[in-house]
Protein backbone atom coordinates (compact mmCIF):
# COMPACT_ATOMS: atom_id res chain seq x y z
CA UNK A 1 198.66 218.94 314.00
CA UNK A 2 194.92 219.53 313.98
CA UNK A 3 192.07 217.06 313.59
CA UNK A 4 191.47 218.56 310.16
CA UNK A 5 195.06 217.71 309.17
CA UNK A 6 194.57 214.09 310.24
CA UNK A 7 191.30 213.72 308.33
CA UNK A 8 192.82 215.33 305.23
CA UNK A 9 195.85 213.03 305.40
CA UNK A 10 193.88 209.79 305.74
CA UNK A 11 191.24 210.82 303.22
CA UNK A 12 194.11 211.42 300.80
CA UNK A 13 195.64 208.00 301.52
CA UNK A 14 192.40 206.19 300.71
CA UNK A 15 191.37 208.44 297.83
CA UNK A 16 194.72 207.71 296.16
CA UNK A 17 194.03 203.97 296.26
CA UNK A 18 191.45 202.38 293.98
CA UNK A 19 188.62 200.87 296.03
CA UNK A 20 189.24 197.09 296.09
CA UNK A 21 186.51 194.94 294.60
CA UNK A 22 186.98 192.33 297.33
CA UNK A 23 188.97 193.69 300.28
CA UNK A 24 190.79 190.89 302.09
CA UNK A 25 190.52 190.25 305.83
CA UNK A 26 193.68 190.32 307.89
CA UNK A 27 195.27 186.91 308.39
CA UNK A 28 195.51 187.33 312.16
CA UNK A 29 191.80 188.09 312.41
CA UNK A 30 190.86 184.97 310.45
CA UNK A 31 193.07 182.68 312.51
CA UNK A 32 191.82 184.18 315.78
CA UNK A 33 188.08 184.40 315.11
CA UNK A 34 187.41 181.29 313.03
CA UNK A 35 185.41 178.94 315.23
CA UNK A 36 184.15 181.62 317.62
CA UNK A 37 180.40 182.22 317.92
CA UNK A 38 179.29 185.43 316.21
CA UNK A 39 178.29 188.48 318.23
CA UNK A 40 178.95 192.21 318.27
CA UNK A 41 182.30 193.41 316.95
CA UNK A 42 184.05 196.77 316.85
CA UNK A 43 186.64 197.34 314.13
CA UNK A 44 188.96 200.22 315.05
CA UNK A 45 190.58 201.82 312.00
CA UNK A 46 188.56 199.76 309.53
CA UNK A 47 190.39 201.03 306.43
CA UNK A 48 189.25 199.27 303.26
CA UNK A 49 186.86 197.11 305.28
CA UNK A 50 188.13 193.59 304.65
CA UNK A 51 187.83 192.64 308.33
CA UNK A 52 184.35 194.11 308.80
CA UNK A 53 182.99 192.42 305.68
CA UNK A 54 184.54 189.06 306.57
CA UNK A 55 183.01 189.22 310.04
CA UNK A 56 179.60 190.25 308.72
CA UNK A 57 179.56 187.35 306.27
CA UNK A 58 179.93 185.09 309.31
CA UNK A 59 177.02 186.66 311.14
CA UNK A 60 178.80 189.25 313.25
CA UNK A 61 177.19 192.67 313.75
CA UNK A 62 180.05 195.08 313.11
CA UNK A 63 180.59 198.69 314.05
CA UNK A 64 183.45 199.79 311.79
CA UNK A 65 185.10 203.14 312.44
CA UNK A 66 187.81 205.11 310.69
CA UNK A 67 188.98 208.71 310.83
CA UNK A 68 188.70 208.79 307.04
CA UNK A 69 185.25 209.50 305.71
CA UNK A 70 186.41 208.17 302.33
CA UNK A 71 187.19 204.78 303.90
CA UNK A 72 183.95 204.66 305.91
CA UNK A 73 181.76 205.65 302.95
CA UNK A 74 183.40 203.09 300.66
CA UNK A 75 182.88 200.35 303.22
CA UNK A 76 179.24 201.30 303.78
CA UNK A 77 178.59 201.22 300.03
CA UNK A 78 180.38 197.88 299.67
CA UNK A 79 178.36 196.37 302.52
CA UNK A 80 175.07 197.53 300.99
CA UNK A 81 176.04 196.23 297.56
CA UNK A 82 176.69 192.76 299.02
CA UNK A 83 173.57 192.57 301.18
CA UNK A 84 175.46 193.24 304.41
CA UNK A 85 174.16 196.72 305.11
CA UNK A 86 172.16 195.54 308.13
CA UNK A 87 175.26 193.99 309.70
CA UNK A 88 177.88 196.68 309.05
CA UNK A 89 177.63 200.17 310.50
CA UNK A 90 180.56 202.08 308.98
CA UNK A 91 181.12 205.54 310.44
CA UNK A 92 183.79 208.23 310.52
CA UNK A 93 185.11 208.55 314.05
CA UNK A 94 188.14 210.31 315.56
CA UNK A 95 189.53 208.08 318.30
CA UNK A 96 191.70 210.93 319.54
CA UNK A 97 188.67 212.66 321.02
CA UNK A 98 186.11 209.94 321.82
CA UNK A 99 185.45 206.20 321.81
CA UNK A 100 182.44 204.45 320.20
CA UNK A 101 179.63 203.58 322.60
CA UNK A 102 178.45 200.01 323.15
CA UNK A 103 179.58 196.64 324.49
CA UNK A 104 181.29 194.10 322.27
CA UNK A 105 182.28 190.46 322.07
CA UNK A 106 185.25 191.35 319.88
CA UNK A 107 187.26 194.50 319.37
CA UNK A 108 189.96 194.40 316.72
CA UNK A 109 192.61 197.01 316.01
CA UNK A 110 194.79 196.10 313.06
CA UNK A 111 197.74 198.38 312.35
CA UNK A 112 196.29 201.31 314.27
CA UNK A 113 199.28 203.54 313.54
CA UNK A 114 199.24 207.19 312.56
CA UNK A 115 201.73 210.05 312.09
CA UNK A 116 199.40 212.22 314.19
CA UNK A 117 199.11 212.44 317.95
CA UNK A 118 197.11 209.49 319.29
CA UNK A 119 197.14 208.09 322.81
CA UNK A 120 196.99 204.50 321.61
CA UNK A 121 197.22 203.05 325.10
CA UNK A 122 194.15 205.03 326.14
CA UNK A 123 192.25 203.91 323.04
CA UNK A 124 193.13 200.24 323.58
CA UNK A 125 192.36 200.49 327.29
CA UNK A 126 188.92 201.84 326.38
CA UNK A 127 188.56 198.93 323.97
CA UNK A 128 189.31 196.43 326.72
CA UNK A 129 186.74 198.06 328.98
CA UNK A 130 184.17 197.93 326.15
CA UNK A 131 184.36 194.13 326.07
CA UNK A 132 181.57 191.99 327.44
CA UNK A 133 182.63 189.21 329.82
CA UNK A 134 184.36 186.57 327.70
CA UNK A 135 185.04 189.07 324.93
CA UNK A 136 188.39 189.46 323.19
CA UNK A 137 190.58 192.39 322.18
CA UNK A 138 192.81 191.62 319.19
CA UNK A 139 195.62 194.11 318.55
CA UNK A 140 197.86 193.51 315.55
CA UNK A 141 200.73 195.93 315.01
CA UNK A 142 203.52 196.18 312.50
CA UNK A 143 206.67 194.45 313.71
CA UNK A 144 208.52 195.49 310.56
CA UNK A 145 208.11 198.03 307.77
CA UNK A 146 206.61 196.79 304.52
CA UNK A 147 207.96 198.39 301.31
CA UNK A 148 204.51 199.83 300.51
CA UNK A 149 203.92 201.37 303.95
CA UNK A 150 203.16 205.10 304.16
CA UNK A 151 205.72 205.23 307.00
CA UNK A 152 209.23 204.53 305.74
CA UNK A 153 211.01 206.11 308.71
CA UNK A 154 214.12 203.90 309.25
CA UNK A 155 214.15 204.86 312.93
CA UNK A 156 210.55 203.83 313.62
CA UNK A 157 210.25 201.61 316.69
CA UNK A 158 207.93 198.60 316.85
CA UNK A 159 207.01 197.87 320.49
CA UNK A 160 206.70 194.16 321.28
CA UNK A 161 203.25 192.76 322.13
CA UNK A 162 204.21 192.27 325.77
CA UNK A 163 205.23 195.91 325.97
CA UNK A 164 201.91 196.99 324.48
CA UNK A 165 200.07 194.83 327.00
CA UNK A 166 202.04 196.29 329.90
CA UNK A 167 201.23 199.81 328.69
CA UNK A 168 197.52 199.12 328.98
CA UNK A 169 197.88 198.51 332.73
CA UNK A 170 194.85 196.20 332.81
CA UNK A 171 193.94 194.34 335.98
CA UNK A 172 195.06 190.71 335.41
CA UNK A 173 192.16 189.55 337.55
CA UNK A 174 189.78 190.85 334.87
CA UNK A 175 191.78 190.72 331.63
CA UNK A 176 194.10 187.89 330.64
CA UNK A 177 196.68 187.92 327.86
CA UNK A 178 195.97 184.86 325.69
CA UNK A 179 198.56 185.55 323.02
CA UNK A 180 201.60 187.81 322.69
CA UNK A 181 203.68 186.76 319.70
CA UNK A 182 205.63 188.07 316.70
CA UNK A 183 204.91 185.69 313.79
CA UNK A 184 206.20 186.21 310.26
CA UNK A 185 204.21 185.92 307.03
CA UNK A 186 204.37 186.82 303.36
CA UNK A 187 202.16 189.85 302.73
CA UNK A 188 200.82 191.37 299.52
CA UNK A 189 200.63 195.16 299.25
CA UNK A 190 198.04 197.33 297.47
CA UNK A 191 200.20 197.35 294.33
CA UNK A 192 200.57 193.57 294.22
CA UNK A 193 204.13 193.41 295.57
CA UNK A 194 204.93 190.76 298.17
CA UNK A 195 207.32 190.88 301.10
CA UNK A 196 208.00 189.03 304.34
CA UNK A 197 206.68 191.03 307.29
CA UNK A 198 206.47 190.61 311.05
CA UNK A 199 203.21 191.03 312.92
CA UNK A 200 203.04 191.87 316.60
CA UNK A 201 199.95 190.03 317.85
CA UNK A 202 198.30 190.70 321.19
CA UNK A 203 195.09 188.93 322.22
CA UNK A 204 193.45 189.87 325.52
CA UNK A 205 190.31 188.23 326.92
CA UNK A 206 188.01 189.68 329.54
CA UNK A 207 187.08 187.26 332.29
CA UNK A 208 183.67 185.66 331.91
């Protein structure tokens, strides 16, 4: 499928959802980043922007990218409305063809899944290389299918965090896996439903 198809699909996903008044940050981001000094962050697949806004409120300078212009524009408007416009740069970006420039203290990729062709390993490898010394890459994937997910394929496979780490083929002398776990939690979907879900959490740190 073409890049236009991917943009149309994701614009449709976000346009069909009402813009949240207060988008929530992901639980795994909060538990990982709380207590860290602020710096420069890159949010890959920013979606509704809960992670970017949460980081900005704690002093992080955030580059937030999404293939959906609808998502990026909503986030930019939300950031401006809450006095965070100087800390959040929300832009449409297609990770299939390029990777954002810059060096970061944190790169987060929450649920970076798509029905379109995407070399995720290449994207996450680029993310690891974009880290400053001491910086962290946080990858959180679905370990189960929530009832509100756009992907209800019963045959979908959820690679374990260790498998994702191995696929990145990073030099262990430079990048160290700090966490590779599959915790459970109760999640709330866009329509208010709740369900128990599994997260696949991978945290990689670049040597200082």
